[in-house]
């Protein structure tokens, strides 16, 4: 929810299965839209490589969008997926916050990867 406070998007999308979090966000931010196009897309965790394809499609549709992914360091597999994801062509900036990560796709921005402990 800190991302919503900070970036102040007009719309947020959630990966399927995050209904409880979606309800919490809806209660806290009643004016927020949950309809496409999403300015921020939320993934609870990295679980499959097919998510990377979905994120690439989102990046094409929303080049100024943001993806938040929770639990990027849950286990060695999620760390491997995160490392693969940040090397993807569509990611220009990644922020590894240890508990979660942010991805940005601005093609005019220099490619950078940050690790910060929050």
C-alpha atoms as a PDB file:
ATOM      1  CA  UNK A   1       0.000   0.000   0.000  1.00  0.00           C
ATOM      2  CA  UNK A   2       3.012   2.249   0.396  1.00  0.00           C
ATOM      3  CA  UNK A   3       3.449   2.123  -3.394  1.00  0.00           C
ATOM      4  CA  UNK A   4      -0.075   3.431  -3.858  1.00  0.00           C
ATOM      5  CA  UNK A   5       0.549   6.280  -1.411  1.00  0.00           C
ATOM      6  CA  UNK A   6       3.832   7.151  -3.087  1.00  0.00           C
ATOM      7  CA  UNK A   7       2.978   6.826  -6.801  1.00  0.00           C
ATOM      8  CA  UNK A   8      -0.692   7.910  -6.513  1.00  0.00           C
ATOM      9  CA  UNK A   9      -2.006   5.842  -9.428  1.00  0.00           C
ATOM     10  CA  UNK A  10      -5.544   6.200 -10.723  1.00  0.00           C
ATOM     11  CA  UNK A  11      -5.897   2.450 -11.328  1.00  0.00           C
ATOM     12  CA  UNK A  12      -4.387  -0.713  -9.866  1.00  0.00           C
ATOM     13  CA  UNK A  13      -4.576  -4.295 -11.128  1.00  0.00           C
ATOM     14  CA  UNK A  14      -4.088  -7.480  -9.145  1.00  0.00           C
ATOM     15  CA  UNK A  15      -3.029 -10.920 -10.271  1.00  0.00           C
ATOM     16  CA  UNK A  16      -5.796 -13.468  -9.715  1.00  0.00           C
ATOM     17  CA  UNK A  17      -5.920 -14.832  -6.185  1.00  0.00           C
ATOM     18  CA  UNK A  18      -5.254 -11.525  -4.430  1.00  0.00           C
ATOM     19  CA  UNK A  19      -8.885 -10.761  -3.583  1.00  0.00           C
ATOM     20  CA  UNK A  20      -8.231 -10.124   0.127  1.00  0.00           C
ATOM     21  CA  UNK A  21      -5.541  -7.547  -0.638  1.00  0.00           C
ATOM     22  CA  UNK A  22      -7.726  -5.997  -3.331  1.00  0.00           C
ATOM     23  CA  UNK A  23     -10.512  -5.541  -0.753  1.00  0.00           C
ATOM     24  CA  UNK A  24      -8.074  -3.924   1.717  1.00  0.00           C
ATOM     25  CA  UNK A  25      -6.833  -1.540  -0.973  1.00  0.00           C
ATOM     26  CA  UNK A  26     -10.402  -0.752  -2.028  1.00  0.00           C
ATOM     27  CA  UNK A  27     -11.310   0.082   1.588  1.00  0.00           C
ATOM     28  CA  UNK A  28      -8.245   2.283   2.089  1.00  0.00           C
ATOM     29  CA  UNK A  29      -8.392   4.019  -1.322  1.00  0.00           C
ATOM     30  CA  UNK A  30     -12.089   4.247  -2.282  1.00  0.00           C
ATOM     31  CA  UNK A  31     -11.463   6.531  -5.285  1.00  0.00           C
ATOM     32  CA  UNK A  32      -8.989   4.092  -6.860  1.00  0.00           C
ATOM     33  CA  UNK A  33     -10.111   2.303 -10.032  1.00  0.00           C
ATOM     34  CA  UNK A  34      -9.592  -1.412 -10.588  1.00  0.00           C
ATOM     35  CA  UNK A  35     -10.274  -1.254 -14.324  1.00  0.00           C
ATOM     36  CA  UNK A  36      -7.748  -1.334 -17.155  1.00  0.00           C
ATOM     37  CA  UNK A  37      -5.507   0.294 -18.103  1.00  0.00           C
ATOM     38  CA  UNK A  38      -3.675  -0.268 -14.820  1.00  0.00           C
ATOM     39  CA  UNK A  39      -0.948   2.164 -13.786  1.00  0.00           C
ATOM     40  CA  UNK A  40       0.357  -0.323 -11.209  1.00  0.00           C
ATOM     41  CA  UNK A  41       0.043  -4.095 -11.482  1.00  0.00           C
ATOM     42  CA  UNK A  42       0.458  -6.172  -8.315  1.00  0.00           C
ATOM     43  CA  UNK A  43       1.786  -9.735  -8.194  1.00  0.00           C
ATOM     44  CA  UNK A  44       1.825 -11.484  -4.817  1.00  0.00           C
ATOM     45  CA  UNK A  45       4.904 -13.516  -5.709  1.00  0.00           C
ATOM     46  CA  UNK A  46       6.918 -14.905  -8.592  1.00  0.00           C
ATOM     47  CA  UNK A  47       5.714 -18.460  -9.081  1.00  0.00           C
ATOM     48  CA  UNK A  48       5.976 -19.333 -12.780  1.00  0.00           C
ATOM     49  CA  UNK A  49       7.849 -18.222 -15.860  1.00  0.00           C
ATOM     50  CA  UNK A  50       4.494 -17.580 -17.539  1.00  0.00           C
ATOM     51  CA  UNK A  51       4.153 -14.569 -15.221  1.00  0.00           C
ATOM     52  CA  UNK A  52       7.203 -13.053 -16.933  1.00  0.00           C
ATOM     53  CA  UNK A  53       5.395 -13.277 -20.274  1.00  0.00           C
ATOM     54  CA  UNK A  54       2.323 -11.616 -18.743  1.00  0.00           C
ATOM     55  CA  UNK A  55       4.544  -8.849 -17.347  1.00  0.00           C
ATOM     56  CA  UNK A  56       6.168  -8.325 -20.750  1.00  0.00           C
ATOM     57  CA  UNK A  57       2.711  -7.938 -22.306  1.00  0.00           C
ATOM     58  CA  UNK A  58       1.741  -5.447 -19.592  1.00  0.00           C
ATOM     59  CA  UNK A  59       4.945  -3.475 -20.261  1.00  0.00           C
ATOM     60  CA  UNK A  60       4.027  -3.219 -23.963  1.00  0.00           C
ATOM     61  CA  UNK A  61       0.505  -2.035 -23.147  1.00  0.00           C
ATOM     62  CA  UNK A  62       1.571   0.321 -20.336  1.00  0.00           C
ATOM     63  CA  UNK A  63       5.105   1.582 -21.052  1.00  0.00           C
ATOM     64  CA  UNK A  64       4.839   4.031 -18.149  1.00  0.00           C
ATOM     65  CA  UNK A  65       3.313   1.411 -15.859  1.00  0.00           C
ATOM     66  CA  UNK A  66       4.813  -0.119 -12.739  1.00  0.00           C
ATOM     67  CA  UNK A  67       4.820  -3.708 -11.533  1.00  0.00           C
ATOM     68  CA  UNK A  68       5.117  -4.573  -7.848  1.00  0.00           C
ATOM     69  CA  UNK A  69       6.062  -8.155  -6.961  1.00  0.00           C
ATOM     70  CA  UNK A  70       5.968  -9.428  -3.400  1.00  0.00           C
ATOM     71  CA  UNK A  71       8.145 -12.165  -1.873  1.00  0.00           C
ATOM     72  CA  UNK A  72      10.914 -11.993  -4.467  1.00  0.00           C
ATOM     73  CA  UNK A  73      13.303 -13.701  -2.013  1.00  0.00           C
ATOM     74  CA  UNK A  74      10.938 -16.403  -0.757  1.00  0.00           C
ATOM     75  CA  UNK A  75      13.214 -19.233  -1.933  1.00  0.00           C
ATOM     76  CA  UNK A  76      16.009 -19.928  -4.415  1.00  0.00           C
ATOM     77  CA  UNK A  77      13.527 -20.439  -7.268  1.00  0.00           C
ATOM     78  CA  UNK A  78      11.906 -17.021  -6.795  1.00  0.00           C
ATOM     79  CA  UNK A  79      15.342 -15.414  -6.588  1.00  0.00           C
ATOM     80  CA  UNK A  80      16.268 -17.103  -9.897  1.00  0.00           C
ATOM     81  CA  UNK A  81      13.025 -15.870 -11.492  1.00  0.00           C
ATOM     82  CA  UNK A  82      13.653 -12.324 -10.215  1.00  0.00           C
ATOM     83  CA  UNK A  83      17.203 -12.389 -11.603  1.00  0.00           C
ATOM     84  CA  UNK A  84      15.888 -13.605 -14.960  1.00  0.00           C
ATOM     85  CA  UNK A  85      13.134 -10.997 -14.929  1.00  0.00           C
ATOM     86  CA  UNK A  86      15.399  -8.009 -14.310  1.00  0.00           C
ATOM     87  CA  UNK A  87      17.561  -9.065 -17.263  1.00  0.00           C
ATOM     88  CA  UNK A  88      14.539  -9.106 -19.580  1.00  0.00           C
ATOM     89  CA  UNK A  89      14.593  -6.611 -22.444  1.00  0.00           C
ATOM     90  CA  UNK A  90      11.368  -4.920 -21.356  1.00  0.00           C
ATOM     91  CA  UNK A  91      12.660  -3.990 -17.867  1.00  0.00           C
ATOM     92  CA  UNK A  92      14.633  -0.747 -17.744  1.00  0.00           C
ATOM     93  CA  UNK A  93      14.718  -0.174 -13.975  1.00  0.00           C
ATOM     94  CA  UNK A  94      14.295  -2.629 -11.125  1.00  0.00           C
ATOM     95  CA  UNK A  95      14.263  -1.956  -7.405  1.00  0.00           C
ATOM     96  CA  UNK A  96      14.962  -4.931  -5.133  1.00  0.00           C
ATOM     97  CA  UNK A  97      13.629  -4.043  -1.676  1.00  0.00           C
ATOM     98  CA  UNK A  98      14.311  -7.579  -0.354  1.00  0.00           C
ATOM     99  CA  UNK A  99      10.679  -8.194   0.657  1.00  0.00           C
ATOM    100  CA  UNK A 100       9.407  -7.150  -2.787  1.00  0.00           C
ATOM    101  CA  UNK A 101      10.461  -5.571  -6.040  1.00  0.00           C
ATOM    102  CA  UNK A 102       9.424  -2.827  -8.440  1.00  0.00           C
ATOM    103  CA  UNK A 103       9.811  -2.881 -12.217  1.00  0.00           C
ATOM    104  CA  UNK A 104       9.717   0.096 -14.585  1.00  0.00           C
ATOM    105  CA  UNK A 105       9.710   0.068 -18.401  1.00  0.00           C
ATOM    106  CA  UNK A 106      10.466   3.641 -19.522  1.00  0.00           C
ATOM    107  CA  UNK A 107      12.491   3.224 -22.700  1.00  0.00           C
ATOM    108  CA  UNK A 108      13.971   6.728 -22.365  1.00  0.00           C
ATOM    109  CA  UNK A 109      15.455   5.858 -18.982  1.00  0.00           C
ATOM    110  CA  UNK A 110      18.902   4.329 -18.535  1.00  0.00           C
ATOM    111  CA  UNK A 111      18.879   0.654 -17.585  1.00  0.00           C
ATOM    112  CA  UNK A 112      19.576   0.371 -13.858  1.00  0.00           C
ATOM    113  CA  UNK A 113      19.030  -2.142 -11.079  1.00  0.00           C
ATOM    114  CA  UNK A 114      18.916  -1.104  -7.431  1.00  0.00           C
ATOM    115  CA  UNK A 115      19.017  -3.049  -4.179  1.00  0.00           C
ATOM    116  CA  UNK A 116      17.771  -1.177  -1.154  1.00  0.00           C
ATOM    117  CA  UNK A 117      16.807  -2.405   2.276  1.00  0.00           C
ATOM    118  CA  UNK A 118      13.616  -0.762   3.462  1.00  0.00           C
END
